[in-house]
């Protein structure tokens, strides 16, 4: 519960993100304010860093039978310790800001 609640608090700090509060799962599906989560992930891995760190996630398309769904979604597993989880979600926020401002 602590990690879930931490993840929810950190995700609430990202403008434009949409997600539901999970009851029993150890992950959150989140709709991001981006055009394509796979392109965002490529950007994060190739062009983004904050203090030498970046973040990776699971694009949402892999969790739907219809691959046209989930293009702007990601799956966030909150299995890390609290410190690492908070940093990962901070990096996600910064990465989204950098990705959207490059256009």
N, C-alpha and C. Protein backbone atom coordinates (compact mmCIF):
# COMPACT_ATOMS: atom_id res chain seq x y z
N UNK A 1 0.80 -1.20 0.00
CA UNK A 1 0.00 0.00 0.00
C UNK A 1 0.85 1.27 0.00
N UNK A 2 1.98 1.23 0.72
CA UNK A 2 2.82 2.42 0.79
C UNK A 2 3.37 2.77 -0.59
N UNK A 3 3.87 1.77 -1.32
CA UNK A 3 4.43 2.05 -2.65
C UNK A 3 3.34 2.48 -3.61
N UNK A 4 2.17 1.85 -3.54
CA UNK A 4 1.06 2.26 -4.40
C UNK A 4 0.70 3.72 -4.12
N UNK A 5 0.56 4.07 -2.85
CA UNK A 5 0.19 5.43 -2.49
C UNK A 5 1.27 6.43 -2.91
N UNK A 6 2.53 6.04 -2.78
CA UNK A 6 3.63 6.89 -3.24
C UNK A 6 3.55 7.09 -4.75
N UNK A 7 3.32 6.01 -5.48
CA UNK A 7 3.21 6.11 -6.94
C UNK A 7 2.07 7.03 -7.33
N UNK A 8 0.95 6.92 -6.66
CA UNK A 8 -0.20 7.78 -6.96
C UNK A 8 0.13 9.24 -6.68
N UNK A 9 0.77 9.51 -5.56
CA UNK A 9 1.15 10.90 -5.23
C UNK A 9 2.08 11.48 -6.29
N UNK A 10 3.09 10.68 -6.70
CA UNK A 10 4.05 11.17 -7.70
C UNK A 10 3.39 11.33 -9.07
N UNK A 11 2.51 10.41 -9.45
CA UNK A 11 1.83 10.53 -10.74
C UNK A 11 0.91 11.74 -10.76
N UNK A 12 0.31 12.07 -9.62
CA UNK A 12 -0.55 13.25 -9.53
C UNK A 12 0.21 14.54 -9.81
N UNK A 13 1.54 14.50 -9.71
CA UNK A 13 2.37 15.68 -9.97
C UNK A 13 2.64 15.88 -11.46
N UNK A 14 2.23 14.93 -12.30
CA UNK A 14 2.47 15.03 -13.73
C UNK A 14 1.22 15.60 -14.41
N UNK A 15 1.30 16.81 -14.94
CA UNK A 15 0.13 17.40 -15.59
C UNK A 15 -0.33 16.57 -16.79
N UNK A 16 -1.63 16.35 -16.86
CA UNK A 16 -2.22 15.68 -18.02
C UNK A 16 -2.24 14.17 -17.95
N UNK A 17 -1.67 13.56 -16.94
CA UNK A 17 -1.67 12.10 -16.84
C UNK A 17 -3.03 11.64 -16.31
N UNK A 18 -3.47 10.48 -16.79
CA UNK A 18 -4.76 9.92 -16.37
C UNK A 18 -4.53 8.46 -15.96
N UNK A 19 -5.00 8.09 -14.79
CA UNK A 19 -4.84 6.72 -14.31
C UNK A 19 -5.88 6.45 -13.23
N UNK A 20 -6.11 5.18 -13.00
CA UNK A 20 -7.01 4.76 -11.93
C UNK A 20 -6.22 4.22 -10.76
N UNK A 21 -6.82 4.27 -9.59
CA UNK A 21 -6.17 3.74 -8.39
C UNK A 21 -6.37 2.23 -8.33
N UNK A 22 -5.29 1.47 -8.39
CA UNK A 22 -5.43 0.01 -8.35
C UNK A 22 -5.81 -0.47 -6.95
N UNK A 23 -6.59 -1.53 -6.91
CA UNK A 23 -7.00 -2.09 -5.62
C UNK A 23 -6.08 -3.22 -5.17
N UNK A 24 -5.72 -4.11 -6.09
CA UNK A 24 -4.94 -5.26 -5.67
C UNK A 24 -3.70 -5.51 -6.50
N UNK A 25 -3.58 -4.87 -7.62
CA UNK A 25 -2.45 -5.10 -8.52
C UNK A 25 -1.20 -4.37 -8.02
N UNK A 26 -0.05 -4.75 -8.58
CA UNK A 26 1.20 -4.07 -8.28
C UNK A 26 1.65 -3.23 -9.46
N UNK A 27 0.69 -2.75 -10.22
CA UNK A 27 1.00 -1.90 -11.37
C UNK A 27 -0.14 -0.92 -11.61
N UNK A 28 0.19 0.13 -12.35
CA UNK A 28 -0.77 1.15 -12.75
C UNK A 28 -0.66 1.32 -14.26
N UNK A 29 -1.78 1.29 -14.94
CA UNK A 29 -1.82 1.67 -16.36
C UNK A 29 -2.12 3.17 -16.37
N UNK A 30 -1.27 3.92 -17.04
CA UNK A 30 -1.42 5.38 -17.05
C UNK A 30 -1.40 5.90 -18.48
N UNK A 31 -2.35 6.78 -18.77
CA UNK A 31 -2.41 7.46 -20.06
C UNK A 31 -1.58 8.73 -19.92
N UNK A 32 -0.59 8.88 -20.78
CA UNK A 32 0.34 10.00 -20.70
C UNK A 32 -0.06 11.13 -21.63
N UNK A 33 0.36 12.34 -21.31
CA UNK A 33 0.12 13.47 -22.20
C UNK A 33 1.17 13.54 -23.31
N UNK A 34 1.29 12.45 -24.08
CA UNK A 34 2.24 12.36 -25.19
C UNK A 34 1.53 11.73 -26.38
N UNK A 35 2.12 11.86 -27.55
CA UNK A 35 1.51 11.30 -28.76
C UNK A 35 1.72 9.79 -28.87
N UNK A 36 2.84 9.29 -28.31
CA UNK A 36 3.17 7.88 -28.50
C UNK A 36 4.14 7.45 -27.41
N UNK A 37 3.75 6.49 -26.58
CA UNK A 37 4.61 6.10 -25.46
C UNK A 37 5.88 5.37 -25.91
N UNK A 38 5.82 4.66 -27.03
CA UNK A 38 7.04 4.00 -27.52
C UNK A 38 8.06 5.04 -28.00
N UNK A 39 7.59 6.09 -28.66
CA UNK A 39 8.50 7.17 -29.08
C UNK A 39 9.07 7.89 -27.86
N UNK A 40 8.24 8.07 -26.83
CA UNK A 40 8.73 8.66 -25.59
C UNK A 40 9.83 7.80 -24.99
N UNK A 41 9.62 6.48 -24.94
CA UNK A 41 10.63 5.59 -24.37
C UNK A 41 11.94 5.68 -25.16
N UNK A 42 11.86 5.70 -26.48
CA UNK A 42 13.07 5.85 -27.30
C UNK A 42 13.78 7.16 -26.97
N UNK A 43 13.01 8.23 -26.84
CA UNK A 43 13.58 9.54 -26.48
C UNK A 43 14.28 9.46 -25.13
N UNK A 44 13.61 8.85 -24.15
CA UNK A 44 14.20 8.75 -22.81
C UNK A 44 15.51 7.97 -22.84
N UNK A 45 15.57 6.93 -23.64
CA UNK A 45 16.78 6.10 -23.69
C UNK A 45 17.90 6.73 -24.50
N UNK A 46 17.54 7.47 -25.56
CA UNK A 46 18.55 8.00 -26.48
C UNK A 46 18.95 9.45 -26.21
N UNK A 47 18.02 10.27 -25.70
CA UNK A 47 18.28 11.71 -25.68
C UNK A 47 18.03 12.40 -24.35
N UNK A 48 17.54 11.68 -23.36
CA UNK A 48 17.19 12.31 -22.09
C UNK A 48 18.04 11.74 -20.96
N UNK A 49 18.43 12.64 -20.05
CA UNK A 49 19.05 12.23 -18.80
C UNK A 49 18.94 13.40 -17.83
N UNK A 50 18.88 13.06 -16.58
CA UNK A 50 18.90 14.05 -15.51
C UNK A 50 19.89 13.55 -14.47
N UNK A 51 20.96 14.29 -14.31
CA UNK A 51 22.04 13.87 -13.40
C UNK A 51 22.54 12.46 -13.73
N UNK A 52 22.64 12.17 -15.03
CA UNK A 52 23.16 10.89 -15.47
C UNK A 52 22.18 9.73 -15.39
N UNK A 53 20.91 10.02 -15.11
CA UNK A 53 19.90 8.97 -14.97
C UNK A 53 18.77 9.15 -15.98
N UNK A 54 18.14 8.06 -16.32
CA UNK A 54 16.93 8.08 -17.13
C UNK A 54 16.00 6.99 -16.58
N UNK A 55 14.90 6.76 -17.26
CA UNK A 55 13.92 5.79 -16.79
C UNK A 55 13.40 5.01 -17.99
N UNK A 56 12.98 3.79 -17.76
CA UNK A 56 12.38 2.96 -18.79
C UNK A 56 11.07 2.40 -18.23
N UNK A 57 10.16 2.07 -19.11
CA UNK A 57 8.85 1.57 -18.70
C UNK A 57 8.33 0.62 -19.76
N UNK A 58 7.19 0.06 -19.51
CA UNK A 58 6.54 -0.84 -20.47
C UNK A 58 5.47 -0.07 -21.24
N UNK A 59 5.61 0.08 -22.56
CA UNK A 59 4.57 0.75 -23.34
C UNK A 59 3.25 -0.01 -23.23
N UNK A 60 2.16 0.73 -23.27
CA UNK A 60 0.84 0.16 -23.08
C UNK A 60 0.37 -0.78 -24.16
N UNK A 61 0.88 -0.64 -25.38
CA UNK A 61 0.38 -1.46 -26.49
C UNK A 61 0.55 -2.94 -26.24
N UNK A 62 1.56 -3.34 -25.50
CA UNK A 62 1.82 -4.75 -25.23
C UNK A 62 0.81 -5.40 -24.30
N UNK A 63 -0.07 -4.61 -23.73
CA UNK A 63 -1.03 -5.15 -22.77
C UNK A 63 -2.45 -5.19 -23.32
N UNK A 64 -2.58 -4.97 -24.62
CA UNK A 64 -3.88 -5.03 -25.28
C UNK A 64 -3.81 -6.02 -26.44
N UNK A 65 -4.90 -6.70 -26.67
CA UNK A 65 -4.98 -7.60 -27.82
C UNK A 65 -4.95 -6.80 -29.11
N UNK A 66 -5.65 -5.67 -29.12
CA UNK A 66 -5.69 -4.78 -30.27
C UNK A 66 -4.54 -3.78 -30.13
N UNK A 67 -3.51 -3.90 -30.97
CA UNK A 67 -2.32 -3.06 -30.84
C UNK A 67 -2.55 -1.58 -31.14
N UNK A 68 -3.75 -1.24 -31.61
CA UNK A 68 -4.05 0.17 -31.81
C UNK A 68 -4.41 0.83 -30.47
N UNK A 69 -4.61 0.02 -29.43
CA UNK A 69 -4.92 0.56 -28.11
C UNK A 69 -3.64 0.74 -27.30
N UNK A 70 -3.67 1.68 -26.41
CA UNK A 70 -2.55 1.88 -25.48
C UNK A 70 -1.37 2.64 -26.03
N UNK A 71 -1.51 3.28 -27.18
CA UNK A 71 -0.36 3.97 -27.79
C UNK A 71 0.18 5.10 -26.91
N UNK A 72 -0.68 5.70 -26.10
CA UNK A 72 -0.24 6.79 -25.24
C UNK A 72 -0.27 6.36 -23.77
N UNK A 73 -0.20 5.05 -23.54
CA UNK A 73 -0.24 4.53 -22.17
C UNK A 73 1.06 3.79 -21.83
N UNK A 74 1.30 3.69 -20.53
CA UNK A 74 2.41 2.88 -20.03
C UNK A 74 1.91 2.07 -18.83
N UNK A 75 2.64 1.01 -18.55
CA UNK A 75 2.37 0.21 -17.35
C UNK A 75 3.51 0.46 -16.39
N UNK A 76 3.16 0.89 -15.20
CA UNK A 76 4.15 1.19 -14.18
C UNK A 76 4.01 0.16 -13.06
N UNK A 77 5.03 -0.66 -12.89
CA UNK A 77 5.05 -1.62 -11.79
C UNK A 77 5.71 -0.94 -10.60
N UNK A 78 5.01 -0.89 -9.50
CA UNK A 78 5.59 -0.23 -8.32
C UNK A 78 6.16 -1.27 -7.37
N UNK A 79 7.22 -1.90 -7.84
CA UNK A 79 7.88 -2.95 -7.07
C UNK A 79 9.22 -2.48 -6.50
N UNK A 80 9.66 -1.29 -6.89
CA UNK A 80 10.92 -0.75 -6.38
C UNK A 80 10.75 -0.25 -4.95
N UNK A 81 11.86 -0.05 -4.27
CA UNK A 81 11.76 0.58 -2.95
C UNK A 81 11.29 2.03 -3.14
N UNK A 82 10.80 2.63 -2.09
CA UNK A 82 10.20 3.95 -2.19
C UNK A 82 11.10 5.02 -2.77
N UNK A 83 12.35 5.03 -2.39
CA UNK A 83 13.29 6.05 -2.89
C UNK A 83 13.48 5.92 -4.39
N UNK A 84 13.70 4.70 -4.86
CA UNK A 84 13.91 4.48 -6.29
C UNK A 84 12.63 4.73 -7.09
N UNK A 85 11.50 4.35 -6.53
CA UNK A 85 10.22 4.57 -7.20
C UNK A 85 9.95 6.06 -7.34
N UNK A 86 10.16 6.82 -6.30
CA UNK A 86 9.95 8.27 -6.36
C UNK A 86 10.85 8.90 -7.41
N UNK A 87 12.11 8.48 -7.46
CA UNK A 87 13.04 9.03 -8.45
C UNK A 87 12.63 8.64 -9.86
N UNK A 88 12.21 7.40 -10.06
CA UNK A 88 11.78 6.96 -11.39
C UNK A 88 10.59 7.79 -11.88
N UNK A 89 9.65 8.07 -11.00
CA UNK A 89 8.49 8.85 -11.42
C UNK A 89 8.83 10.32 -11.60
N UNK A 90 9.82 10.81 -10.86
CA UNK A 90 10.32 12.16 -11.10
C UNK A 90 10.98 12.23 -12.48
N UNK A 91 11.77 11.22 -12.81
CA UNK A 91 12.41 11.17 -14.12
C UNK A 91 11.37 11.07 -15.24
N UNK A 92 10.30 10.32 -15.00
CA UNK A 92 9.22 10.24 -15.99
C UNK A 92 8.62 11.62 -16.22
N UNK A 93 8.35 12.34 -15.16
CA UNK A 93 7.78 13.69 -15.28
C UNK A 93 8.72 14.61 -16.07
N UNK A 94 9.98 14.63 -15.69
CA UNK A 94 10.97 15.47 -16.38
C UNK A 94 11.13 15.04 -17.83
N UNK A 95 11.11 13.73 -18.08
CA UNK A 95 11.24 13.22 -19.43
C UNK A 95 10.07 13.60 -20.32
N UNK A 96 8.86 13.54 -19.78
CA UNK A 96 7.67 13.96 -20.54
C UNK A 96 7.77 15.43 -20.88
N UNK A 97 8.18 16.25 -19.92
CA UNK A 97 8.34 17.68 -20.17
C UNK A 97 9.36 17.93 -21.28
N UNK A 98 10.49 17.25 -21.22
CA UNK A 98 11.53 17.42 -22.24
C UNK A 98 11.04 16.93 -23.59
N UNK A 99 10.38 15.80 -23.62
CA UNK A 99 9.86 15.22 -24.88
C UNK A 99 8.85 16.17 -25.53
N UNK A 100 7.92 16.67 -24.74
CA UNK A 100 6.90 17.55 -25.31
C UNK A 100 7.42 18.93 -25.69
N UNK A 101 8.51 19.37 -25.08
CA UNK A 101 9.05 20.69 -25.42
C UNK A 101 9.99 20.68 -26.61
N UNK A 102 10.37 19.51 -27.08
CA UNK A 102 11.32 19.41 -28.22
C UNK A 102 10.66 19.71 -29.55
N UNK A 103 9.38 19.72 -29.62
CA UNK A 103 8.66 19.86 -30.90
C UNK A 103 8.68 21.26 -31.45
